[in-house]
PDB file of all heavy atoms in Angstrom:
ATOM      1  N   PRO A   1      12.148   0.484   5.981  1.00  0.00           N
ATOM      2  CA  PRO A   1      11.510   1.450   5.077  1.00  0.00           C
ATOM      3  C   PRO A   1      10.534   0.735   4.159  1.00  0.00           C
ATOM      4  O   PRO A   1      10.844  -0.306   3.582  1.00  0.00           O
ATOM      5  CB  PRO A   1      12.696   2.027   4.295  1.00  0.00           C
ATOM      6  CG  PRO A   1      13.747   0.984   4.359  1.00  0.00           C
ATOM      7  CD  PRO A   1      13.552   0.264   5.664  1.00  0.00           C
ATOM      8  N   ASP A   2       9.334   1.301   4.020  1.00  0.00           N
ATOM      9  CA  ASP A   2       8.339   0.658   3.160  1.00  0.00           C
ATOM     10  C   ASP A   2       8.215   1.352   1.803  1.00  0.00           C
ATOM     11  O   ASP A   2       7.520   0.855   0.935  1.00  0.00           O
ATOM     12  CB  ASP A   2       6.982   0.599   3.853  1.00  0.00           C
ATOM     13  CG  ASP A   2       6.532   1.939   4.385  1.00  0.00           C
ATOM     14  OD1 ASP A   2       7.137   2.960   4.027  1.00  0.00           O
ATOM     15  OD2 ASP A   2       5.578   1.957   5.167  1.00  0.00           O
ATOM     16  N   HIS A   3       8.878   2.465   1.600  1.00  0.00           N
ATOM     17  CA  HIS A   3       8.934   3.190   0.313  1.00  0.00           C
ATOM     18  C   HIS A   3       7.547   3.565  -0.200  1.00  0.00           C
ATOM     19  O   HIS A   3       7.308   3.589  -1.402  1.00  0.00           O
ATOM     20  CB  HIS A   3       9.671   2.370  -0.741  1.00  0.00           C
ATOM     21  CG  HIS A   3      11.011   1.866  -0.324  1.00  0.00           C
ATOM     22  ND1 HIS A   3      12.065   2.713  -0.093  1.00  0.00           N
ATOM     23  CD2 HIS A   3      11.465   0.613  -0.057  1.00  0.00           C
ATOM     24  CE1 HIS A   3      13.120   1.996   0.275  1.00  0.00           C
ATOM     25  NE2 HIS A   3      12.787   0.727   0.313  1.00  0.00           N
ATOM     26  N   ILE A   4       6.622   3.879   0.687  1.00  0.00           N
ATOM     27  CA  ILE A   4       5.246   4.137   0.255  1.00  0.00           C
ATOM     28  C   ILE A   4       5.121   5.482  -0.468  1.00  0.00           C
ATOM     29  O   ILE A   4       4.364   5.604  -1.428  1.00  0.00           O
ATOM     30  CB  ILE A   4       4.259   4.025   1.431  1.00  0.00           C
ATOM     31  CG1 ILE A   4       2.829   3.906   0.919  1.00  0.00           C
ATOM     32  CG2 ILE A   4       4.331   5.188   2.351  1.00  0.00           C
ATOM     33  CD1 ILE A   4       2.130   2.726   1.419  1.00  0.00           C
ATOM     34  N   VAL A   5       5.882   6.484  -0.052  1.00  0.00           N
ATOM     35  CA  VAL A   5       5.791   7.802  -0.705  1.00  0.00           C
ATOM     36  C   VAL A   5       6.374   7.726  -2.110  1.00  0.00           C
ATOM     37  O   VAL A   5       5.800   8.267  -3.072  1.00  0.00           O
ATOM     38  CB  VAL A   5       6.520   8.867   0.151  1.00  0.00           C
ATOM     39  CG1 VAL A   5       6.540  10.200  -0.547  1.00  0.00           C
ATOM     40  CG2 VAL A   5       5.855   8.990   1.506  1.00  0.00           C
ATOM     41  N   TRP A   6       7.503   7.046  -2.237  1.00  0.00           N
ATOM     42  CA  TRP A   6       8.126   6.868  -3.545  1.00  0.00           C
ATOM     43  C   TRP A   6       7.194   6.083  -4.467  1.00  0.00           C
ATOM     44  O   TRP A   6       7.040   6.416  -5.642  1.00  0.00           O
ATOM     45  CB  TRP A   6       9.449   6.154  -3.354  1.00  0.00           C
ATOM     46  CG  TRP A   6      10.331   6.057  -4.558  1.00  0.00           C
ATOM     47  CD1 TRP A   6      10.200   6.710  -5.740  1.00  0.00           C
ATOM     48  CD2 TRP A   6      11.489   5.235  -4.681  1.00  0.00           C
ATOM     49  NE1 TRP A   6      11.210   6.360  -6.592  1.00  0.00           N
ATOM     50  CE2 TRP A   6      12.017   5.447  -5.963  1.00  0.00           C
ATOM     51  CE3 TRP A   6      12.123   4.345  -3.831  1.00  0.00           C
ATOM     52  CZ2 TRP A   6      13.151   4.795  -6.413  1.00  0.00           C
ATOM     53  CZ3 TRP A   6      13.267   3.717  -4.291  1.00  0.00           C
ATOM     54  CH2 TRP A   6      13.769   3.940  -5.562  1.00  0.00           C
ATOM     55  N   SER A   7       6.557   5.058  -3.936  1.00  0.00           N
ATOM     56  CA  SER A   7       5.625   4.252  -4.730  1.00  0.00           C
ATOM     57  C   SER A   7       4.410   5.069  -5.159  1.00  0.00           C
ATOM     58  O   SER A   7       3.935   4.939  -6.289  1.00  0.00           O
ATOM     59  CB  SER A   7       5.166   3.043  -3.928  1.00  0.00           C
ATOM     60  OG  SER A   7       6.250   2.225  -3.584  1.00  0.00           O
ATOM     61  N   LEU A   8       3.920   5.907  -4.269  1.00  0.00           N
ATOM     62  CA  LEU A   8       2.780   6.756  -4.615  1.00  0.00           C
ATOM     63  C   LEU A   8       3.165   7.747  -5.710  1.00  0.00           C
ATOM     64  O   LEU A   8       2.401   7.980  -6.652  1.00  0.00           O
ATOM     65  CB  LEU A   8       2.279   7.489  -3.373  1.00  0.00           C
ATOM     66  CG  LEU A   8       1.003   8.288  -3.531  1.00  0.00           C
ATOM     67  CD1 LEU A   8      -0.153   7.386  -3.909  1.00  0.00           C
ATOM     68  CD2 LEU A   8       0.680   9.018  -2.242  1.00  0.00           C
ATOM     69  N   PHE A   9       4.367   8.318  -5.613  1.00  0.00           N
ATOM     70  CA  PHE A   9       4.854   9.221  -6.662  1.00  0.00           C
ATOM     71  C   PHE A   9       4.931   8.496  -8.003  1.00  0.00           C
ATOM     72  O   PHE A   9       4.484   9.019  -9.027  1.00  0.00           O
ATOM     73  CB  PHE A   9       6.228   9.783  -6.281  1.00  0.00           C
ATOM     74  CG  PHE A   9       6.865  10.607  -7.362  1.00  0.00           C
ATOM     75  CD1 PHE A   9       6.500  11.925  -7.545  1.00  0.00           C
ATOM     76  CD2 PHE A   9       7.822  10.054  -8.208  1.00  0.00           C
ATOM     77  CE1 PHE A   9       7.078  12.694  -8.542  1.00  0.00           C
ATOM     78  CE2 PHE A   9       8.401  10.804  -9.207  1.00  0.00           C
ATOM     79  CZ  PHE A   9       8.032  12.121  -9.380  1.00  0.00           C
ATOM     80  N   ASN A  10       5.506   7.289  -7.998  1.00  0.00           N
ATOM     81  CA  ASN A  10       5.619   6.530  -9.243  1.00  0.00           C
ATOM     82  C   ASN A  10       4.259   6.102  -9.770  1.00  0.00           C
ATOM     83  O   ASN A  10       4.064   6.011 -10.980  1.00  0.00           O
ATOM     84  CB  ASN A  10       6.514   5.299  -9.037  1.00  0.00           C
ATOM     85  CG  ASN A  10       7.979   5.663  -9.017  1.00  0.00           C
ATOM     86  OD1 ASN A  10       8.389   6.690  -9.533  1.00  0.00           O
ATOM     87  ND2 ASN A  10       8.772   4.818  -8.407  1.00  0.00           N
ATOM     88  N   THR A  11       3.311   5.840  -8.893  1.00  0.00           N
ATOM     89  CA  THR A  11       1.963   5.473  -9.337  1.00  0.00           C
ATOM     90  C   THR A  11       1.288   6.646 -10.029  1.00  0.00           C
ATOM     91  O   THR A  11       0.635   6.483 -11.060  1.00  0.00           O
ATOM     92  CB  THR A  11       1.115   5.015  -8.142  1.00  0.00           C
ATOM     93  OG1 THR A  11       1.740   3.884  -7.546  1.00  0.00           O
ATOM     94  CG2 THR A  11      -0.289   4.649  -8.561  1.00  0.00           C
ATOM     95  N   VAL A  12       1.459   7.833  -9.488  1.00  0.00           N
ATOM     96  CA  VAL A  12       0.782   9.004 -10.052  1.00  0.00           C
ATOM     97  C   VAL A  12       1.493   9.523 -11.294  1.00  0.00           C
ATOM     98  O   VAL A  12       0.856   9.837 -12.306  1.00  0.00           O
ATOM     99  CB  VAL A  12       0.660  10.107  -8.978  1.00  0.00           C
ATOM    100  CG1 VAL A  12       0.123  11.389  -9.571  1.00  0.00           C
ATOM    101  CG2 VAL A  12      -0.222   9.637  -7.837  1.00  0.00           C
ATOM    102  N   PHE A  13       2.832   9.609 -11.257  1.00  0.00           N
ATOM    103  CA  PHE A  13       3.549  10.288 -12.334  1.00  0.00           C
ATOM    104  C   PHE A  13       4.294   9.354 -13.285  1.00  0.00           C
ATOM    105  O   PHE A  13       4.488   9.690 -14.449  1.00  0.00           O
ATOM    106  CB  PHE A  13       4.543  11.289 -11.749  1.00  0.00           C
ATOM    107  CG  PHE A  13       3.874  12.390 -11.000  1.00  0.00           C
ATOM    108  CD1 PHE A  13       3.974  12.477  -9.627  1.00  0.00           C
ATOM    109  CD2 PHE A  13       3.120  13.346 -11.661  1.00  0.00           C
ATOM    110  CE1 PHE A  13       3.356  13.489  -8.928  1.00  0.00           C
ATOM    111  CE2 PHE A  13       2.489  14.367 -10.971  1.00  0.00           C
ATOM    112  CZ  PHE A  13       2.613  14.429  -9.598  1.00  0.00           C
ATOM    113  N   MET A  14       4.773   8.219 -12.830  1.00  0.00           N
ATOM    114  CA  MET A  14       5.610   7.359 -13.668  1.00  0.00           C
ATOM    115  C   MET A  14       5.022   5.953 -13.730  1.00  0.00           C
ATOM    116  O   MET A  14       5.703   4.969 -13.471  1.00  0.00           O
ATOM    117  CB  MET A  14       7.024   7.274 -13.093  1.00  0.00           C
ATOM    118  CG  MET A  14       7.685   8.574 -12.873  1.00  0.00           C
ATOM    119  SD  MET A  14       8.989   8.742 -14.041  1.00  0.00           S
ATOM    120  CE  MET A  14       9.605  10.338 -13.604  1.00  0.00           C
ATOM    121  N   ASN A  15       3.779   5.817 -14.089  1.00  0.00           N
ATOM    122  CA  ASN A  15       3.099   4.531 -14.053  1.00  0.00           C
ATOM    123  C   ASN A  15       3.208   3.806 -15.390  1.00  0.00           C
ATOM    124  O   ASN A  15       2.221   3.327 -15.933  1.00  0.00           O
ATOM    125  CB  ASN A  15       1.640   4.717 -13.648  1.00  0.00           C
ATOM    126  CG  ASN A  15       1.045   3.447 -13.104  1.00  0.00           C
ATOM    127  OD1 ASN A  15       1.749   2.517 -12.757  1.00  0.00           O
ATOM    128  ND2 ASN A  15      -0.269   3.401 -13.043  1.00  0.00           N
ATOM    129  N   TRP A  16       4.399   3.700 -15.947  1.00  0.00           N
ATOM    130  CA  TRP A  16       4.609   2.989 -17.195  1.00  0.00           C
ATOM    131  C   TRP A  16       4.476   1.500 -16.932  1.00  0.00           C
ATOM    132  O   TRP A  16       5.078   0.962 -16.020  1.00  0.00           O
ATOM    133  CB  TRP A  16       5.996   3.292 -17.774  1.00  0.00           C
ATOM    134  CG  TRP A  16       6.213   4.740 -18.024  1.00  0.00           C
ATOM    135  CD1 TRP A  16       6.929   5.592 -17.256  1.00  0.00           C
ATOM    136  CD2 TRP A  16       5.688   5.517 -19.096  1.00  0.00           C
ATOM    137  NE1 TRP A  16       6.886   6.852 -17.781  1.00  0.00           N
ATOM    138  CE2 TRP A  16       6.138   6.834 -18.912  1.00  0.00           C
ATOM    139  CE3 TRP A  16       4.883   5.230 -20.191  1.00  0.00           C
ATOM    140  CZ2 TRP A  16       5.820   7.864 -19.790  1.00  0.00           C
ATOM    141  CZ3 TRP A  16       4.573   6.256 -21.060  1.00  0.00           C
ATOM    142  CH2 TRP A  16       5.029   7.548 -20.859  1.00  0.00           C
ATOM    143  N   CYS A  17       3.696   0.822 -17.726  1.00  0.00           N
ATOM    144  CA  CYS A  17       3.474  -0.630 -17.617  1.00  0.00           C
ATOM    145  C   CYS A  17       2.989  -1.020 -16.227  1.00  0.00           C
ATOM    146  O   CYS A  17       3.250  -2.129 -15.758  1.00  0.00           O
ATOM    147  CB  CYS A  17       4.745  -1.398 -17.955  1.00  0.00           C
ATOM    148  SG  CYS A  17       5.389  -1.063 -19.594  1.00  0.00           S
ATOM    149  N   CYS A  18       2.331  -0.131 -15.543  1.00  0.00           N
ATOM    150  CA  CYS A  18       1.769  -0.354 -14.198  1.00  0.00           C
ATOM    151  C   CYS A  18       2.834  -0.707 -13.159  1.00  0.00           C
ATOM    152  O   CYS A  18       2.528  -1.300 -12.125  1.00  0.00           O
ATOM    153  CB  CYS A  18       0.679  -1.419 -14.213  1.00  0.00           C
ATOM    154  SG  CYS A  18      -0.766  -0.914 -15.148  1.00  0.00           S
ATOM    155  N   LEU A  19       4.087  -0.362 -13.396  1.00  0.00           N
ATOM    156  CA  LEU A  19       5.148  -0.657 -12.431  1.00  0.00           C
ATOM    157  C   LEU A  19       4.962   0.144 -11.151  1.00  0.00           C
ATOM    158  O   LEU A  19       5.235  -0.351 -10.057  1.00  0.00           O
ATOM    159  CB  LEU A  19       6.518  -0.366 -13.039  1.00  0.00           C
ATOM    160  CG  LEU A  19       6.990  -1.325 -14.124  1.00  0.00           C
ATOM    161  CD1 LEU A  19       8.282  -0.824 -14.740  1.00  0.00           C
ATOM    162  CD2 LEU A  19       7.177  -2.714 -13.575  1.00  0.00           C
ATOM    163  N   GLY A  20       4.500   1.378 -11.275  1.00  0.00           N
ATOM    164  CA  GLY A  20       4.265   2.204 -10.094  1.00  0.00           C
ATOM    165  C   GLY A  20       3.161   1.646  -9.220  1.00  0.00           C
ATOM    166  O   GLY A  20       3.255   1.650  -7.992  1.00  0.00           O
ATOM    167  N   PHE A  21       2.112   1.145  -9.846  1.00  0.00           N
ATOM    168  CA  PHE A  21       1.001   0.565  -9.083  1.00  0.00           C
ATOM    169  C   PHE A  21       1.434  -0.712  -8.366  1.00  0.00           C
ATOM    170  O   PHE A  21       1.064  -0.948  -7.216  1.00  0.00           O
ATOM    171  CB  PHE A  21      -0.187   0.288 -10.010  1.00  0.00           C
ATOM    172  CG  PHE A  21      -1.361  -0.297  -9.292  1.00  0.00           C
ATOM    173  CD1 PHE A  21      -2.129   0.491  -8.450  1.00  0.00           C
ATOM    174  CD2 PHE A  21      -1.682  -1.633  -9.434  1.00  0.00           C
ATOM    175  CE1 PHE A  21      -3.210  -0.041  -7.771  1.00  0.00           C
ATOM    176  CE2 PHE A  21      -2.762  -2.177  -8.762  1.00  0.00           C
ATOM    177  CZ  PHE A  21      -3.526  -1.379  -7.932  1.00  0.00           C
ATOM    178  N   VAL A  22       2.216  -1.546  -9.048  1.00  0.00           N
ATOM    179  CA  VAL A  22       2.706  -2.782  -8.426  1.00  0.00           C
ATOM    180  C   VAL A  22       3.624  -2.436  -7.252  1.00  0.00           C
ATOM    181  O   VAL A  22       3.548  -3.069  -6.188  1.00  0.00           O
ATOM    182  CB  VAL A  22       3.428  -3.662  -9.471  1.00  0.00           C
ATOM    183  CG1 VAL A  22       4.085  -4.862  -8.822  1.00  0.00           C
ATOM    184  CG2 VAL A  22       2.454  -4.107 -10.550  1.00  0.00           C
ATOM    185  N   ALA A  23       4.471  -1.428  -7.426  1.00  0.00           N
ATOM    186  CA  ALA A  23       5.347  -0.998  -6.328  1.00  0.00           C
ATOM    187  C   ALA A  23       4.525  -0.487  -5.152  1.00  0.00           C
ATOM    188  O   ALA A  23       4.862  -0.761  -3.988  1.00  0.00           O
ATOM    189  CB  ALA A  23       6.303   0.092  -6.822  1.00  0.00           C
ATOM    190  N   PHE A  24       3.454   0.235  -5.435  1.00  0.00           N
ATOM    191  CA  PHE A  24       2.588   0.734  -4.366  1.00  0.00           C
ATOM    192  C   PHE A  24       1.931  -0.422  -3.615  1.00  0.00           C
ATOM    193  O   PHE A  24       1.827  -0.397  -2.387  1.00  0.00           O
ATOM    194  CB  PHE A  24       1.530   1.680  -4.947  1.00  0.00           C
ATOM    195  CG  PHE A  24       0.673   2.335  -3.918  1.00  0.00           C
ATOM    196  CD1 PHE A  24       1.191   3.303  -3.093  1.00  0.00           C
ATOM    197  CD2 PHE A  24      -0.654   1.975  -3.770  1.00  0.00           C
ATOM    198  CE1 PHE A  24       0.406   3.917  -2.131  1.00  0.00           C
ATOM    199  CE2 PHE A  24      -1.448   2.578  -2.816  1.00  0.00           C
ATOM    200  CZ  PHE A  24      -0.913   3.546  -2.001  1.00  0.00           C
ATOM    201  N   ALA A  25       1.503  -1.447  -4.344  1.00  0.00           N
ATOM    202  CA  ALA A  25       0.885  -2.610  -3.701  1.00  0.00           C
ATOM    203  C   ALA A  25       1.879  -3.312  -2.778  1.00  0.00           C
ATOM    204  O   ALA A  25       1.542  -3.673  -1.640  1.00  0.00           O
ATOM    205  CB  ALA A  25       0.362  -3.580  -4.761  1.00  0.00           C
ATOM    206  N   TYR A  26       3.112  -3.483  -3.230  1.00  0.00           N
ATOM    207  CA  TYR A  26       4.125  -4.121  -2.382  1.00  0.00           C
ATOM    208  C   TYR A  26       4.496  -3.232  -1.197  1.00  0.00           C
ATOM    209  O   TYR A  26       4.806  -3.735  -0.114  1.00  0.00           O
ATOM    210  CB  TYR A  26       5.363  -4.482  -3.193  1.00  0.00           C
ATOM    211  CG  TYR A  26       5.230  -5.820  -3.888  1.00  0.00           C
ATOM    212  CD1 TYR A  26       4.924  -5.894  -5.234  1.00  0.00           C
ATOM    213  CD2 TYR A  26       5.401  -7.001  -3.184  1.00  0.00           C
ATOM    214  CE1 TYR A  26       4.790  -7.115  -5.868  1.00  0.00           C
ATOM    215  CE2 TYR A  26       5.276  -8.228  -3.806  1.00  0.00           C
ATOM    216  CZ  TYR A  26       4.976  -8.277  -5.150  1.00  0.00           C
ATOM    217  OH  TYR A  26       4.837  -9.486  -5.768  1.00  0.00           O
ATOM    218  N   SER A  27       4.461  -1.926  -1.369  1.00  0.00           N
ATOM    219  CA  SER A  27       4.742  -1.021  -0.252  1.00  0.00           C
ATOM    220  C   SER A  27       3.676  -1.129   0.829  1.00  0.00           C
ATOM    221  O   SER A  27       3.978  -1.114   2.022  1.00  0.00           O
ATOM    222  CB  SER A  27       4.821   0.423  -0.745  1.00  0.00           C
ATOM    223  OG  SER A  27       5.917   0.592  -1.590  1.00  0.00           O
ATOM    224  N   VAL A  28       2.426  -1.246   0.400  1.00  0.00           N
ATOM    225  CA  VAL A  28       1.333  -1.405   1.368  1.00  0.00           C
ATOM    226  C   VAL A  28       1.475  -2.740   2.091  1.00  0.00           C
ATOM    227  O   VAL A  28       1.282  -2.830   3.307  1.00  0.00           O
ATOM    228  CB  VAL A  28      -0.033  -1.273   0.665  1.00  0.00           C
ATOM    229  CG1 VAL A  28      -1.165  -1.675   1.584  1.00  0.00           C
ATOM    230  CG2 VAL A  28      -0.232   0.146   0.180  1.00  0.00           C
ATOM    231  N   LYS A  29       1.844  -3.791   1.363  1.00  0.00           N
ATOM    232  CA  LYS A  29       2.070  -5.084   1.996  1.00  0.00           C
ATOM    233  C   LYS A  29       3.209  -5.012   3.006  1.00  0.00           C
ATOM    234  O   LYS A  29       3.131  -5.612   4.082  1.00  0.00           O
ATOM    235  CB  LYS A  29       2.384  -6.149   0.946  1.00  0.00           C
ATOM    236  CG  LYS A  29       1.198  -6.610   0.141  1.00  0.00           C
ATOM    237  CD  LYS A  29       1.622  -7.693  -0.827  1.00  0.00           C
ATOM    238  CE  LYS A  29       0.450  -8.201  -1.630  1.00  0.00           C
ATOM    239  NZ  LYS A  29       0.848  -9.311  -2.504  1.00  0.00           N
ATOM    240  N   ALA A  30       4.277  -4.286   2.656  1.00  0.00           N
ATOM    241  CA  ALA A  30       5.406  -4.134   3.583  1.00  0.00           C
ATOM    242  C   ALA A  30       4.977  -3.391   4.838  1.00  0.00           C
ATOM    243  O   ALA A  30       5.359  -3.759   5.958  1.00  0.00           O
ATOM    244  CB  ALA A  30       6.555  -3.389   2.896  1.00  0.00           C
ATOM    245  N   ARG A  31       4.161  -2.358   4.673  1.00  0.00           N
ATOM    246  CA  ARG A  31       3.681  -1.612   5.840  1.00  0.00           C
ATOM    247  C   ARG A  31       2.782  -2.488   6.713  1.00  0.00           C
ATOM    248  O   ARG A  31       2.865  -2.452   7.944  1.00  0.00           O
ATOM    249  CB  ARG A  31       2.932  -0.361   5.386  1.00  0.00           C
ATOM    250  CG  ARG A  31       2.430   0.461   6.559  1.00  0.00           C
ATOM    251  CD  ARG A  31       1.944   1.784   6.117  1.00  0.00           C
ATOM    252  NE  ARG A  31       3.096   2.654   5.935  1.00  0.00           N
ATOM    253  CZ  ARG A  31       3.016   3.954   5.752  1.00  0.00           C
ATOM    254  NH1 ARG A  31       1.855   4.532   5.707  1.00  0.00           N
ATOM    255  NH2 ARG A  31       4.091   4.669   5.599  1.00  0.00           N
ATOM    256  N   ASP A  32       1.928  -3.290   6.090  1.00  0.00           N
ATOM    257  CA  ASP A  32       1.073  -4.202   6.859  1.00  0.00           C
ATOM    258  C   ASP A  32       1.898  -5.210   7.641  1.00  0.00           C
ATOM    259  O   ASP A  32       1.632  -5.471   8.810  1.00  0.00           O
ATOM    260  CB  ASP A  32       0.104  -4.943   5.923  1.00  0.00           C
ATOM    261  CG  ASP A  32      -0.973  -4.049   5.361  1.00  0.00           C
ATOM    262  OD1 ASP A  32      -1.156  -2.936   5.899  1.00  0.00           O
ATOM    263  OD2 ASP A  32      -1.624  -4.445   4.374  1.00  0.00           O
ATOM    264  N   ARG A  33       2.890  -5.808   7.006  1.00  0.00           N
ATOM    265  CA  ARG A  33       3.756  -6.777   7.678  1.00  0.00           C
ATOM    266  C   ARG A  33       4.502  -6.125   8.832  1.00  0.00           C
ATOM    267  O   ARG A  33       4.698  -6.729   9.877  1.00  0.00           O
ATOM    268  CB  ARG A  33       4.776  -7.382   6.708  1.00  0.00           C
ATOM    269  CG  ARG A  33       4.181  -8.273   5.677  1.00  0.00           C
ATOM    270  CD  ARG A  33       3.835  -9.620   6.269  1.00  0.00           C
ATOM    271  NE  ARG A  33       2.393  -9.750   6.322  1.00  0.00           N
ATOM    272  CZ  ARG A  33       1.731 -10.531   7.128  1.00  0.00           C
ATOM    273  NH1 ARG A  33       2.332 -11.290   7.970  1.00  0.00           N
ATOM    274  NH2 ARG A  33       0.421 -10.568   7.103  1.00  0.00           N
TER     275      ARG A  33
END
């Protein structure tokens, strides 16, 4: 599981201290790998 949908949700709605954006970046890296 790459958690990309959850990361996108956190990026849009719960982006406190840019944690959602960082999670989205790692999710994209996981999908690429």
